[in-house]
Amino acid sequence: MKALNTLAEAHHYLGDFKAALPLHQRVLALREQALGRKNPDYADSLTNLARLHRDVGDRQAALTLLRQALRLRQEVLGEGHIDYANNLHSLGSLYRLMGEYRAALPLLQQAMTLRKELLG
């Protein structure tokens, strides 16, 4: 799975979104099968797929995936985990990109507060 995920990320970073999409989807399916949905690695795959959707302009799909990843991280890791804070930031940044500043602001503020608490 790790090699497949690395390959998906490489295609994504190179801008080859058409090649990256099925690879990210496959990693998500494999992680679900091997680890279950309540696993941080599954949440990572949701986030990777969300970033890809964001980058191709499908912001609604990205939003759905980031919300799902955030709920999962909250449940599995708790709100005091850096991955939860990072997910809040990603979601807030997406709302900002969509021009939904009122939705973005509290998420970005919460992410900043958590990061300060966790990282100093």
PDB file of N, CA and C in Angstrom:
ATOM      1  N   MET A   1       0.814  -1.194   0.000  1.00  0.00           N
ATOM      2  CA  MET A   1       0.000   0.000   0.000  1.00  0.00           C
ATOM      3  C   MET A   1       0.857   1.257   0.000  1.00  0.00           C
ATOM      4  N   LYS A   2       1.949   1.213   0.755  1.00  0.00           N
ATOM      5  CA  LYS A   2       2.788   2.400   0.857  1.00  0.00           C
ATOM      6  C   LYS A   2       3.375   2.776  -0.498  1.00  0.00           C
ATOM      7  N   ALA A   3       3.837   1.784  -1.245  1.00  0.00           N
ATOM      8  CA  ALA A   3       4.406   2.058  -2.571  1.00  0.00           C
ATOM      9  C   ALA A   3       3.344   2.613  -3.517  1.00  0.00           C
ATOM     10  N   LEU A   4       2.150   2.071  -3.447  1.00  0.00           N
ATOM     11  CA  LEU A   4       1.058   2.542  -4.301  1.00  0.00           C
ATOM     12  C   LEU A   4       0.674   3.980  -3.930  1.00  0.00           C
ATOM     13  N   ASN A   5       0.658   4.267  -2.636  1.00  0.00           N
ATOM     14  CA  ASN A   5       0.359   5.620  -2.188  1.00  0.00           C
ATOM     15  C   ASN A   5       1.441   6.600  -2.657  1.00  0.00           C
ATOM     16  N   THR A   6       2.684   6.200  -2.571  1.00  0.00           N
ATOM     17  CA  THR A   6       3.790   7.037  -3.026  1.00  0.00           C
ATOM     18  C   THR A   6       3.686   7.302  -4.526  1.00  0.00           C
ATOM     19  N   LEU A   7       3.322   6.297  -5.279  1.00  0.00           N
ATOM     20  CA  LEU A   7       3.129   6.463  -6.717  1.00  0.00           C
ATOM     21  C   LEU A   7       1.984   7.428  -7.010  1.00  0.00           C
ATOM     22  N   ALA A   8       0.880   7.298  -6.279  1.00  0.00           N
ATOM     23  CA  ALA A   8      -0.252   8.208  -6.452  1.00  0.00           C
ATOM     24  C   ALA A   8       0.155   9.640  -6.152  1.00  0.00           C
ATOM     25  N   GLU A   9       0.897   9.826  -5.063  1.00  0.00           N
ATOM     26  CA  GLU A   9       1.360  11.164  -4.694  1.00  0.00           C
ATOM     27  C   GLU A   9       2.312  11.735  -5.755  1.00  0.00           C
ATOM     28  N   ALA A  10       3.172  10.905  -6.295  1.00  0.00           N
ATOM     29  CA  ALA A  10       4.098  11.376  -7.333  1.00  0.00           C
ATOM     30  C   ALA A  10       3.336  11.879  -8.550  1.00  0.00           C
ATOM     31  N   HIS A  11       2.359  11.127  -9.000  1.00  0.00           N
ATOM     32  CA  HIS A  11       1.537  11.572 -10.137  1.00  0.00           C
ATOM     33  C   HIS A  11       0.811  12.871  -9.798  1.00  0.00           C
ATOM     34  N   HIS A  12       0.298  12.941  -8.580  1.00  0.00           N
ATOM     35  CA  HIS A  12      -0.417  14.138  -8.142  1.00  0.00           C
ATOM     36  C   HIS A  12       0.521  15.347  -8.178  1.00  0.00           C
ATOM     37  N   TYR A  13       1.695  15.232  -7.572  1.00  0.00           N
ATOM     38  CA  TYR A  13       2.648  16.345  -7.523  1.00  0.00           C
ATOM     39  C   TYR A  13       3.106  16.765  -8.909  1.00  0.00           C
ATOM     40  N   LEU A  14       3.146  15.806  -9.835  1.00  0.00           N
ATOM     41  CA  LEU A  14       3.546  16.121 -11.212  1.00  0.00           C
ATOM     42  C   LEU A  14       2.393  16.713 -12.022  1.00  0.00           C
ATOM     43  N   GLY A  15       1.216  16.758 -11.428  1.00  0.00           N
ATOM     44  CA  GLY A  15       0.063  17.314 -12.131  1.00  0.00           C
ATOM     45  C   GLY A  15      -0.648  16.326 -13.027  1.00  0.00           C
ATOM     46  N   ASP A  16      -0.281  15.062 -12.934  1.00  0.00           N
ATOM     47  CA  ASP A  16      -0.928  14.016 -13.726  1.00  0.00           C
ATOM     48  C   ASP A  16      -2.112  13.472 -12.923  1.00  0.00           C
ATOM     49  N   PHE A  17      -3.148  14.301 -12.824  1.00  0.00           N
ATOM     50  CA  PHE A  17      -4.291  13.975 -11.978  1.00  0.00           C
ATOM     51  C   PHE A  17      -5.066  12.770 -12.488  1.00  0.00           C
ATOM     52  N   LYS A  18      -5.090  12.612 -13.789  1.00  0.00           N
ATOM     53  CA  LYS A  18      -5.806  11.472 -14.374  1.00  0.00           C
ATOM     54  C   LYS A  18      -5.185  10.141 -13.934  1.00  0.00           C
ATOM     55  N   ALA A  19      -3.867  10.106 -13.824  1.00  0.00           N
ATOM     56  CA  ALA A  19      -3.188   8.894 -13.358  1.00  0.00           C
ATOM     57  C   ALA A  19      -3.286   8.749 -11.839  1.00  0.00           C
ATOM     58  N   ALA A  20      -3.293   9.881 -11.134  1.00  0.00           N
ATOM     59  CA  ALA A  20      -3.300   9.843  -9.665  1.00  0.00           C
ATOM     60  C   ALA A  20      -4.638   9.374  -9.102  1.00  0.00           C
ATOM     61  N   LEU A  21      -5.737   9.772  -9.732  1.00  0.00           N
ATOM     62  CA  LEU A  21      -7.061   9.482  -9.177  1.00  0.00           C
ATOM     63  C   LEU A  21      -7.314   7.993  -8.929  1.00  0.00           C
ATOM     64  N   PRO A  22      -7.150   7.121  -9.913  1.00  0.00           N
ATOM     65  CA  PRO A  22      -7.435   5.706  -9.631  1.00  0.00           C
ATOM     66  C   PRO A  22      -6.470   5.095  -8.616  1.00  0.00           C
ATOM     67  N   LEU A  23      -5.256   5.626  -8.568  1.00  0.00           N
ATOM     68  CA  LEU A  23      -4.292   5.114  -7.585  1.00  0.00           C
ATOM     69  C   LEU A  23      -4.712   5.513  -6.169  1.00  0.00           C
ATOM     70  N   HIS A  24      -5.106   6.764  -5.993  1.00  0.00           N
ATOM     71  CA  HIS A  24      -5.591   7.205  -4.673  1.00  0.00           C
ATOM     72  C   HIS A  24      -6.840   6.421  -4.274  1.00  0.00           C
ATOM     73  N   GLN A  25      -7.729   6.192  -5.217  1.00  0.00           N
ATOM     74  CA  GLN A  25      -8.945   5.424  -4.926  1.00  0.00           C
ATOM     75  C   GLN A  25      -8.605   3.993  -4.535  1.00  0.00           C
ATOM     76  N   ARG A  26      -7.624   3.424  -5.193  1.00  0.00           N
ATOM     77  CA  ARG A  26      -7.214   2.048  -4.884  1.00  0.00           C
ATOM     78  C   ARG A  26      -6.600   1.965  -3.489  1.00  0.00           C
ATOM     79  N   VAL A  27      -5.747   2.938  -3.143  1.00  0.00           N
ATOM     80  CA  VAL A  27      -5.150   2.957  -1.804  1.00  0.00           C
ATOM     81  C   VAL A  27      -6.234   3.084  -0.744  1.00  0.00           C
ATOM     82  N   LEU A  28      -7.205   3.946  -0.985  1.00  0.00           N
ATOM     83  CA  LEU A  28      -8.316   4.104  -0.045  1.00  0.00           C
ATOM     84  C   LEU A  28      -9.051   2.769   0.143  1.00  0.00           C
ATOM     85  N   ALA A  29      -9.351   2.101  -0.938  1.00  0.00           N
ATOM     86  CA  ALA A  29     -10.053   0.817  -0.860  1.00  0.00           C
ATOM     87  C   ALA A  29      -9.210  -0.235  -0.145  1.00  0.00           C
ATOM     88  N   LEU A  30      -7.925  -0.278  -0.432  1.00  0.00           N
ATOM     89  CA  LEU A  30      -7.045  -1.248   0.224  1.00  0.00           C
ATOM     90  C   LEU A  30      -6.941  -0.986   1.724  1.00  0.00           C
ATOM     91  N   ARG A  31      -6.821   0.287   2.081  1.00  0.00           N
ATOM     92  CA  ARG A  31      -6.729   0.621   3.499  1.00  0.00           C
ATOM     93  C   ARG A  31      -8.035   0.301   4.229  1.00  0.00           C
ATOM     94  N   GLU A  32      -9.147   0.551   3.560  1.00  0.00           N
ATOM     95  CA  GLU A  32     -10.426   0.208   4.173  1.00  0.00           C
ATOM     96  C   GLU A  32     -10.514  -1.300   4.401  1.00  0.00           C
ATOM     97  N   GLN A  33     -10.094  -2.053   3.405  1.00  0.00           N
ATOM     98  CA  GLN A  33     -10.149  -3.516   3.478  1.00  0.00           C
ATOM     99  C   GLN A  33      -9.205  -4.046   4.559  1.00  0.00           C
ATOM    100  N   ALA A  34      -7.984  -3.531   4.603  1.00  0.00           N
ATOM    101  CA  ALA A  34      -6.971  -4.055   5.515  1.00  0.00           C
ATOM    102  C   ALA A  34      -7.091  -3.495   6.932  1.00  0.00           C
ATOM    103  N   LEU A  35      -7.467  -2.212   7.057  1.00  0.00           N
ATOM    104  CA  LEU A  35      -7.408  -1.546   8.349  1.00  0.00           C
ATOM    105  C   LEU A  35      -8.773  -1.163   8.916  1.00  0.00           C
ATOM    106  N   GLY A  36      -9.758  -1.116   8.034  1.00  0.00           N
ATOM    107  CA  GLY A  36     -11.071  -0.637   8.438  1.00  0.00           C
ATOM    108  C   GLY A  36     -11.152   0.874   8.310  1.00  0.00           C
ATOM    109  N   ARG A  37     -12.359   1.382   8.431  1.00  0.00           N
ATOM    110  CA  ARG A  37     -12.581   2.823   8.262  1.00  0.00           C
ATOM    111  C   ARG A  37     -12.153   3.637   9.473  1.00  0.00           C
ATOM    112  N   LYS A  38     -12.026   3.026  10.613  1.00  0.00           N
ATOM    113  CA  LYS A  38     -11.670   3.765  11.830  1.00  0.00           C
ATOM    114  C   LYS A  38     -10.176   3.631  12.103  1.00  0.00           C
ATOM    115  N   ASN A  39      -9.405   4.155  11.167  1.00  0.00           N
ATOM    116  CA  ASN A  39      -7.949   4.061  11.248  1.00  0.00           C
ATOM    117  C   ASN A  39      -7.351   5.361  10.713  1.00  0.00           C
ATOM    118  N   PRO A  40      -6.329   5.901  11.361  1.00  0.00           N
ATOM    119  CA  PRO A  40      -5.718   7.146  10.884  1.00  0.00           C
ATOM    120  C   PRO A  40      -5.190   7.064   9.446  1.00  0.00           C
ATOM    121  N   ASP A  41      -4.704   5.910   9.034  1.00  0.00           N
ATOM    122  CA  ASP A  41      -4.211   5.776   7.655  1.00  0.00           C
ATOM    123  C   ASP A  41      -5.358   5.880   6.648  1.00  0.00           C
ATOM    124  N   TYR A  42      -6.520   5.400   7.022  1.00  0.00           N
ATOM    125  CA  TYR A  42      -7.695   5.555   6.164  1.00  0.00           C
ATOM    126  C   TYR A  42      -8.044   7.036   6.052  1.00  0.00           C
ATOM    127  N   ALA A  43      -7.975   7.761   7.165  1.00  0.00           N
ATOM    128  CA  ALA A  43      -8.224   9.204   7.143  1.00  0.00           C
ATOM    129  C   ALA A  43      -7.189   9.916   6.257  1.00  0.00           C
ATOM    130  N   ASP A  44      -5.937   9.464   6.295  1.00  0.00           N
ATOM    131  CA  ASP A  44      -4.904  10.051   5.425  1.00  0.00           C
ATOM    132  C   ASP A  44      -5.275   9.871   3.954  1.00  0.00           C
ATOM    133  N   SER A  45      -5.793   8.704   3.616  1.00  0.00           N
ATOM    134  CA  SER A  45      -6.189   8.457   2.228  1.00  0.00           C
ATOM    135  C   SER A  45      -7.369   9.335   1.822  1.00  0.00           C
ATOM    136  N   LEU A  46      -8.300   9.549   2.732  1.00  0.00           N
ATOM    137  CA  LEU A  46      -9.412  10.459   2.452  1.00  0.00           C
ATOM    138  C   LEU A  46      -8.879  11.865   2.161  1.00  0.00           C
ATOM    139  N   THR A  47      -7.914  12.288   2.967  1.00  0.00           N
ATOM    140  CA  THR A  47      -7.325  13.619   2.794  1.00  0.00           C
ATOM    141  C   THR A  47      -6.556  13.715   1.481  1.00  0.00           C
ATOM    142  N   ASN A  48      -5.807  12.689   1.142  1.00  0.00           N
ATOM    143  CA  ASN A  48      -5.078  12.697  -0.134  1.00  0.00           C
ATOM    144  C   ASN A  48      -6.033  12.797  -1.317  1.00  0.00           C
ATOM    145  N   LEU A  49      -7.104  12.051  -1.251  1.00  0.00           N
ATOM    146  CA  LEU A  49      -8.105  12.083  -2.316  1.00  0.00           C
ATOM    147  C   LEU A  49      -8.801  13.450  -2.354  1.00  0.00           C
ATOM    148  N   ALA A  50      -9.039  14.036  -1.190  1.00  0.00           N
ATOM    149  CA  ALA A  50      -9.636  15.378  -1.123  1.00  0.00           C
ATOM    150  C   ALA A  50      -8.723  16.413  -1.780  1.00  0.00           C
ATOM    151  N   ARG A  51      -7.435  16.337  -1.502  1.00  0.00           N
ATOM    152  CA  ARG A  51      -6.489  17.281  -2.122  1.00  0.00           C
ATOM    153  C   ARG A  51      -6.511  17.159  -3.635  1.00  0.00           C
ATOM    154  N   LEU A  52      -6.593  15.950  -4.126  1.00  0.00           N
ATOM    155  CA  LEU A  52      -6.646  15.741  -5.570  1.00  0.00           C
ATOM    156  C   LEU A  52      -7.917  16.361  -6.155  1.00  0.00           C
ATOM    157  N   HIS A  53      -9.041  16.113  -5.517  1.00  0.00           N
ATOM    158  CA  HIS A  53     -10.301  16.703  -5.993  1.00  0.00           C
ATOM    159  C   HIS A  53     -10.240  18.229  -5.953  1.00  0.00           C
ATOM    160  N   ARG A  54      -9.652  18.766  -4.899  1.00  0.00           N
ATOM    161  CA  ARG A  54      -9.478  20.217  -4.822  1.00  0.00           C
ATOM    162  C   ARG A  54      -8.658  20.723  -6.003  1.00  0.00           C
ATOM    163  N   ASP A  55      -7.573  20.039  -6.299  1.00  0.00           N
ATOM    164  CA  ASP A  55      -6.652  20.476  -7.341  1.00  0.00           C
ATOM    165  C   ASP A  55      -7.237  20.367  -8.749  1.00  0.00           C
ATOM    166  N   VAL A  56      -8.211  19.483  -8.935  1.00  0.00           N
ATOM    167  CA  VAL A  56      -8.863  19.402 -10.255  1.00  0.00           C
ATOM    168  C   VAL A  56     -10.119  20.263 -10.307  1.00  0.00           C
ATOM    169  N   GLY A  57     -10.420  20.954  -9.206  1.00  0.00           N
ATOM    170  CA  GLY A  57     -11.544  21.881  -9.199  1.00  0.00           C
ATOM    171  C   GLY A  57     -12.855  21.315  -8.688  1.00  0.00           C
ATOM    172  N   ASP A  58     -12.850  20.075  -8.230  1.00  0.00           N
ATOM    173  CA  ASP A  58     -14.070  19.471  -7.680  1.00  0.00           C
ATOM    174  C   ASP A  58     -14.094  19.729  -6.174  1.00  0.00           C
ATOM    175  N   ARG A  59     -14.397  20.952  -5.831  1.00  0.00           N
ATOM    176  CA  ARG A  59     -14.306  21.374  -4.438  1.00  0.00           C
ATOM    177  C   ARG A  59     -15.373  20.733  -3.554  1.00  0.00           C
ATOM    178  N   GLN A  60     -16.536  20.433  -4.112  1.00  0.00           N
ATOM    179  CA  GLN A  60     -17.582  19.779  -3.312  1.00  0.00           C
ATOM    180  C   GLN A  60     -17.148  18.381  -2.889  1.00  0.00           C
ATOM    181  N   ALA A  61     -16.547  17.638  -3.805  1.00  0.00           N
ATOM    182  CA  ALA A  61     -16.041  16.305  -3.448  1.00  0.00           C
ATOM    183  C   ALA A  61     -14.938  16.427  -2.400  1.00  0.00           C
ATOM    184  N   ALA A  62     -14.072  17.415  -2.583  1.00  0.00           N
ATOM    185  CA  ALA A  62     -12.993  17.642  -1.612  1.00  0.00           C
ATOM    186  C   ALA A  62     -13.571  17.962  -0.241  1.00  0.00           C
ATOM    187  N   LEU A  63     -14.590  18.792  -0.209  1.00  0.00           N
ATOM    188  CA  LEU A  63     -15.226  19.179   1.038  1.00  0.00           C
ATOM    189  C   LEU A  63     -15.822  17.968   1.754  1.00  0.00           C
ATOM    190  N   THR A  64     -16.516  17.138   1.014  1.00  0.00           N
ATOM    191  CA  THR A  64     -17.115  15.931   1.586  1.00  0.00           C
ATOM    192  C   THR A  64     -16.049  15.020   2.184  1.00  0.00           C
ATOM    193  N   LEU A  65     -14.968  14.813   1.460  1.00  0.00           N
ATOM    194  CA  LEU A  65     -13.897  13.931   1.921  1.00  0.00           C
ATOM    195  C   LEU A  65     -13.174  14.509   3.144  1.00  0.00           C
ATOM    196  N   LEU A  66     -12.917  15.821   3.142  1.00  0.00           N
ATOM    197  CA  LEU A  66     -12.236  16.435   4.284  1.00  0.00           C
ATOM    198  C   LEU A  66     -13.112  16.408   5.535  1.00  0.00           C
ATOM    199  N   ARG A  67     -14.395  16.619   5.364  1.00  0.00           N
ATOM    200  CA  ARG A  67     -15.311  16.520   6.514  1.00  0.00           C
ATOM    201  C   ARG A  67     -15.315  15.101   7.075  1.00  0.00           C
ATOM    202  N   GLN A  68     -15.326  14.130   6.190  1.00  0.00           N
ATOM    203  CA  GLN A  68     -15.313  12.726   6.618  1.00  0.00           C
ATOM    204  C   GLN A  68     -14.013  12.419   7.365  1.00  0.00           C
ATOM    205  N   ALA A  69     -12.891  12.889   6.829  1.00  0.00           N
ATOM    206  CA  ALA A  69     -11.598  12.665   7.479  1.00  0.00           C
ATOM    207  C   ALA A  69     -11.551  13.347   8.846  1.00  0.00           C
ATOM    208  N   LEU A  70     -12.106  14.554   8.948  1.00  0.00           N
ATOM    209  CA  LEU A  70     -12.107  15.278  10.218  1.00  0.00           C
ATOM    210  C   LEU A  70     -12.920  14.529  11.273  1.00  0.00           C
ATOM    211  N   ARG A  71     -14.112  14.067  10.901  1.00  0.00           N
ATOM    212  CA  ARG A  71     -14.939  13.302  11.848  1.00  0.00           C
ATOM    213  C   ARG A  71     -14.208  12.043  12.317  1.00  0.00           C
ATOM    214  N   LEU A  72     -13.562  11.379  11.383  1.00  0.00           N
ATOM    215  CA  LEU A  72     -12.827  10.159  11.714  1.00  0.00           C
ATOM    216  C   LEU A  72     -11.657  10.453  12.651  1.00  0.00           C
ATOM    217  N   ARG A  73     -10.900  11.492  12.344  1.00  0.00           N
ATOM    218  CA  ARG A  73      -9.763  11.841  13.211  1.00  0.00           C
ATOM    219  C   ARG A  73     -10.235  12.261  14.599  1.00  0.00           C
ATOM    220  N   GLN A  74     -11.339  12.979  14.661  1.00  0.00           N
ATOM    221  CA  GLN A  74     -11.890  13.378  15.952  1.00  0.00           C
ATOM    222  C   GLN A  74     -12.247  12.135  16.774  1.00  0.00           C
ATOM    223  N   GLU A  75     -12.867  11.182  16.119  1.00  0.00           N
ATOM    224  CA  GLU A  75     -13.300   9.961  16.804  1.00  0.00           C
ATOM    225  C   GLU A  75     -12.124   9.072  17.197  1.00  0.00           C
ATOM    226  N   VAL A  76     -11.169   8.909  16.294  1.00  0.00           N
ATOM    227  CA  VAL A  76     -10.073   7.959  16.517  1.00  0.00           C
ATOM    228  C   VAL A  76      -8.911   8.575  17.301  1.00  0.00           C
ATOM    229  N   LEU A  77      -8.552   9.810  16.977  1.00  0.00           N
ATOM    230  CA  LEU A  77      -7.374  10.429  17.578  1.00  0.00           C
ATOM    231  C   LEU A  77      -7.710  11.445  18.672  1.00  0.00           C
ATOM    232  N   GLY A  78      -8.891  12.024  18.571  1.00  0.00           N
ATOM    233  CA  GLY A  78      -9.278  13.067  19.510  1.00  0.00           C
ATOM    234  C   GLY A  78      -8.886  14.446  19.002  1.00  0.00           C
ATOM    235  N   GLU A  79      -9.495  15.457  19.609  1.00  0.00           N
ATOM    236  CA  GLU A  79      -9.270  16.828  19.174  1.00  0.00           C
ATOM    237  C   GLU A  79      -7.925  17.386  19.622  1.00  0.00           C
ATOM    238  N   GLY A  80      -7.219  16.673  20.464  1.00  0.00           N
ATOM    239  CA  GLY A  80      -5.912  17.118  20.931  1.00  0.00           C
ATOM    240  C   GLY A  80      -4.752  16.549  20.134  1.00  0.00           C
ATOM    241  N   HIS A  81      -5.018  16.068  18.938  1.00  0.00           N
ATOM    242  CA  HIS A  81      -3.972  15.461  18.102  1.00  0.00           C
ATOM    243  C   HIS A  81      -3.617  16.409  16.959  1.00  0.00           C
ATOM    244  N   ILE A  82      -2.350  16.444  16.604  1.00  0.00           N
ATOM    245  CA  ILE A  82      -1.888  17.347  15.548  1.00  0.00           C
ATOM    246  C   ILE A  82      -2.553  17.042  14.204  1.00  0.00           C
ATOM    247  N   ASP A  83      -2.846  15.789  13.919  1.00  0.00           N
ATOM    248  CA  ASP A  83      -3.512  15.461  12.655  1.00  0.00           C
ATOM    249  C   ASP A  83      -4.917  16.044  12.603  1.00  0.00           C
ATOM    250  N   TYR A  84      -5.572  16.118  13.745  1.00  0.00           N
ATOM    251  CA  TYR A  84      -6.887  16.758  13.805  1.00  0.00           C
ATOM    252  C   TYR A  84      -6.742  18.249  13.503  1.00  0.00           C
ATOM    253  N   ALA A  85      -5.756  18.885  14.104  1.00  0.00           N
ATOM    254  CA  ALA A  85      -5.501  20.309  13.852  1.00  0.00           C
ATOM    255  C   ALA A  85      -5.175  20.555  12.386  1.00  0.00           C
ATOM    256  N   ASN A  86      -4.360  19.699  11.801  1.00  0.00           N
ATOM    257  CA  ASN A  86      -4.009  19.849  10.389  1.00  0.00           C
ATOM    258  C   ASN A  86      -5.226  19.686   9.488  1.00  0.00           C
ATOM    259  N   ASN A  87      -6.100  18.762   9.853  1.00  0.00           N
ATOM    260  CA  ASN A  87      -7.320  18.549   9.073  1.00  0.00           C
ATOM    261  C   ASN A  87      -8.244  19.772   9.170  1.00  0.00           C
ATOM    262  N   LEU A  88      -8.333  20.358  10.370  1.00  0.00           N
ATOM    263  CA  LEU A  88      -9.102  21.597  10.530  1.00  0.00           C
ATOM    264  C   LEU A  88      -8.555  22.681   9.600  1.00  0.00           C
ATOM    265  N   HIS A  89      -7.240  22.785   9.555  1.00  0.00           N
ATOM    266  CA  HIS A  89      -6.603  23.788   8.692  1.00  0.00           C
ATOM    267  C   HIS A  89      -6.920  23.519   7.225  1.00  0.00           C
ATOM    268  N   SER A  90      -6.837  22.281   6.804  1.00  0.00           N
ATOM    269  CA  SER A  90      -7.136  21.929   5.411  1.00  0.00           C
ATOM    270  C   SER A  90      -8.579  22.263   5.058  1.00  0.00           C
ATOM    271  N   LEU A  91      -9.484  21.952   5.958  1.00  0.00           N
ATOM    272  CA  LEU A  91     -10.896  22.237   5.719  1.00  0.00           C
ATOM    273  C   LEU A  91     -11.140  23.749   5.676  1.00  0.00           C
ATOM    274  N   GLY A  92     -10.554  24.467   6.608  1.00  0.00           N
ATOM    275  CA  GLY A  92     -10.677  25.917   6.607  1.00  0.00           C
ATOM    276  C   GLY A  92     -10.088  26.549   5.356  1.00  0.00           C
ATOM    277  N   SER A  93      -8.962  26.035   4.914  1.00  0.00           N
ATOM    278  CA  SER A  93      -8.319  26.549   3.700  1.00  0.00           C
ATOM    279  C   SER A  93      -9.179  26.293   2.466  1.00  0.00           C
ATOM    280  N   LEU A  94      -9.838  25.149   2.441  1.00  0.00           N
ATOM    281  CA  LEU A  94     -10.719  24.848   1.318  1.00  0.00           C
ATOM    282  C   LEU A  94     -11.916  25.804   1.303  1.00  0.00           C
ATOM    283  N   TYR A  95     -12.504  26.033   2.470  1.00  0.00           N
ATOM    284  CA  TYR A  95     -13.607  26.997   2.547  1.00  0.00           C
ATOM    285  C   TYR A  95     -13.145  28.384   2.081  1.00  0.00           C
ATOM    286  N   ARG A  96     -11.932  28.773   2.477  1.00  0.00           N
ATOM    287  CA  ARG A  96     -11.379  30.058   2.048  1.00  0.00           C
ATOM    288  C   ARG A  96     -11.249  30.101   0.538  1.00  0.00           C
ATOM    289  N   LEU A  97     -10.738  29.031  -0.033  1.00  0.00           N
ATOM    290  CA  LEU A  97     -10.583  28.931  -1.480  1.00  0.00           C
ATOM    291  C   LEU A  97     -11.935  29.036  -2.194  1.00  0.00           C
ATOM    292  N   MET A  98     -12.972  28.531  -1.553  1.00  0.00           N
ATOM    293  CA  MET A  98     -14.317  28.569  -2.120  1.00  0.00           C
ATOM    294  C   MET A  98     -15.005  29.919  -1.887  1.00  0.00           C
ATOM    295  N   GLY A  99     -14.326  30.821  -1.177  1.00  0.00           N
ATOM    296  CA  GLY A  99     -14.905  32.117  -0.888  1.00  0.00           C
ATOM    297  C   GLY A  99     -15.878  32.108   0.274  1.00  0.00           C
ATOM    298  N   GLU A 100     -15.900  31.028   1.024  1.00  0.00           N
ATOM    299  CA  GLU A 100     -16.804  30.896   2.175  1.00  0.00           C
ATOM    300  C   GLU A 100     -16.032  31.251   3.452  1.00  0.00           C
ATOM    301  N   TYR A 101     -15.759  32.540   3.588  1.00  0.00           N
ATOM    302  CA  TYR A 101     -14.882  33.028   4.650  1.00  0.00           C
ATOM    303  C   TYR A 101     -15.471  32.852   6.045  1.00  0.00           C
ATOM    304  N   ARG A 102     -16.780  32.971   6.175  1.00  0.00           N
ATOM    305  CA  ARG A 102     -17.406  32.789   7.491  1.00  0.00           C
ATOM    306  C   ARG A 102     -17.273  31.345   7.975  1.00  0.00           C
ATOM    307  N   ALA A 103     -17.268  30.403   7.066  1.00  0.00           N
ATOM    308  CA  ALA A 103     -17.050  29.005   7.433  1.00  0.00           C
ATOM    309  C   ALA A 103     -15.570  28.733   7.686  1.00  0.00           C
ATOM    310  N   ALA A 104     -14.707  29.420   6.937  1.00  0.00           N
ATOM    311  CA  ALA A 104     -13.265  29.198   7.040  1.00  0.00           C
ATOM    312  C   ALA A 104     -12.688  29.703   8.354  1.00  0.00           C
ATOM    313  N   LEU A 105     -13.092  30.895   8.758  1.00  0.00           N
ATOM    314  CA  LEU A 105     -12.453  31.568   9.886  1.00  0.00           C
ATOM    315  C   LEU A 105     -12.424  30.767  11.177  1.00  0.00           C
ATOM    316  N   PRO A 106     -13.557  30.231  11.670  1.00  0.00           N
ATOM    317  CA  PRO A 106     -13.477  29.493  12.940  1.00  0.00           C
ATOM    318  C   PRO A 106     -12.624  28.226  12.848  1.00  0.00           C
ATOM    319  N   LEU A 107     -12.627  27.587  11.687  1.00  0.00           N
ATOM    320  CA  LEU A 107     -11.801  26.382  11.522  1.00  0.00           C
ATOM    321  C   LEU A 107     -10.321  26.734  11.548  1.00  0.00           C
ATOM    322  N   LEU A 108      -9.959  27.810  10.864  1.00  0.00           N
ATOM    323  CA  LEU A 108      -8.560  28.235  10.832  1.00  0.00           C
ATOM    324  C   LEU A 108      -8.110  28.725  12.204  1.00  0.00           C
ATOM    325  N   GLN A 109      -8.982  29.417  12.922  1.00  0.00           N
ATOM    326  CA  GLN A 109      -8.639  29.865  14.271  1.00  0.00           C
ATOM    327  C   GLN A 109      -8.463  28.687  15.220  1.00  0.00           C
ATOM    328  N   GLN A 110      -9.355  27.715  15.116  1.00  0.00           N
ATOM    329  CA  GLN A 110      -9.247  26.532  15.978  1.00  0.00           C
ATOM    330  C   GLN A 110      -7.972  25.758  15.655  1.00  0.00           C
ATOM    331  N   ALA A 111      -7.653  25.629  14.374  1.00  0.00           N
ATOM    332  CA  ALA A 111      -6.427  24.930  13.976  1.00  0.00           C
ATOM    333  C   ALA A 111      -5.200  25.642  14.544  1.00  0.00           C
ATOM    334  N   MET A 112      -5.181  26.967  14.453  1.00  0.00           N
ATOM    335  CA  MET A 112      -4.046  27.730  14.957  1.00  0.00           C
ATOM    336  C   MET A 112      -3.906  27.571  16.472  1.00  0.00           C
ATOM    337  N   THR A 113      -5.032  27.627  17.178  1.00  0.00           N
ATOM    338  CA  THR A 113      -5.007  27.471  18.635  1.00  0.00           C
ATOM    339  C   THR A 113      -4.481  26.087  19.019  1.00  0.00           C
ATOM    340  N   LEU A 114      -4.996  25.062  18.372  1.00  0.00           N
ATOM    341  CA  LEU A 114      -4.539  23.696  18.670  1.00  0.00           C
ATOM    342  C   LEU A 114      -3.061  23.509  18.355  1.00  0.00           C
ATOM    343  N   ARG A 115      -2.631  24.016  17.211  1.00  0.00           N
ATOM    344  CA  ARG A 115      -1.215  23.884  16.849  1.00  0.00           C
ATOM    345  C   ARG A 115      -0.328  24.579  17.865  1.00  0.00           C
ATOM    346  N   LYS A 116      -0.742  25.747  18.329  1.00  0.00           N
ATOM    347  CA  LYS A 116       0.040  26.470  19.327  1.00  0.00           C
ATOM    348  C   LYS A 116       0.127  25.670  20.615  1.00  0.00           C
ATOM    349  N   GLU A 117      -1.014  25.088  21.047  1.00  0.00           N
ATOM    350  CA  GLU A 117      -1.040  24.269  22.247  1.00  0.00           C
ATOM    351  C   GLU A 117      -0.171  23.029  22.102  1.00  0.00           C
ATOM    352  N   LEU A 118      -0.238  22.399  20.937  1.00  0.00           N
ATOM    353  CA  LEU A 118       0.459  21.131  20.732  1.00  0.00           C
ATOM    354  C   LEU A 118       1.945  21.299  20.407  1.00  0.00           C
ATOM    355  N   LEU A 119       2.263  22.336  19.684  1.00  0.00           N
ATOM    356  CA  LEU A 119       3.633  22.498  19.189  1.00  0.00           C
ATOM    357  C   LEU A 119       4.400  23.632  19.880  1.00  0.00           C
ATOM    358  N   GLY A 120       3.678  24.439  20.616  1.00  0.00           N
ATOM    359  CA  GLY A 120       4.318  25.546  21.329  1.00  0.00           C
ATOM    360  C   GLY A 120       4.446  26.804  20.538  1.00  0.00           C
TER     361      GLY A 120
END
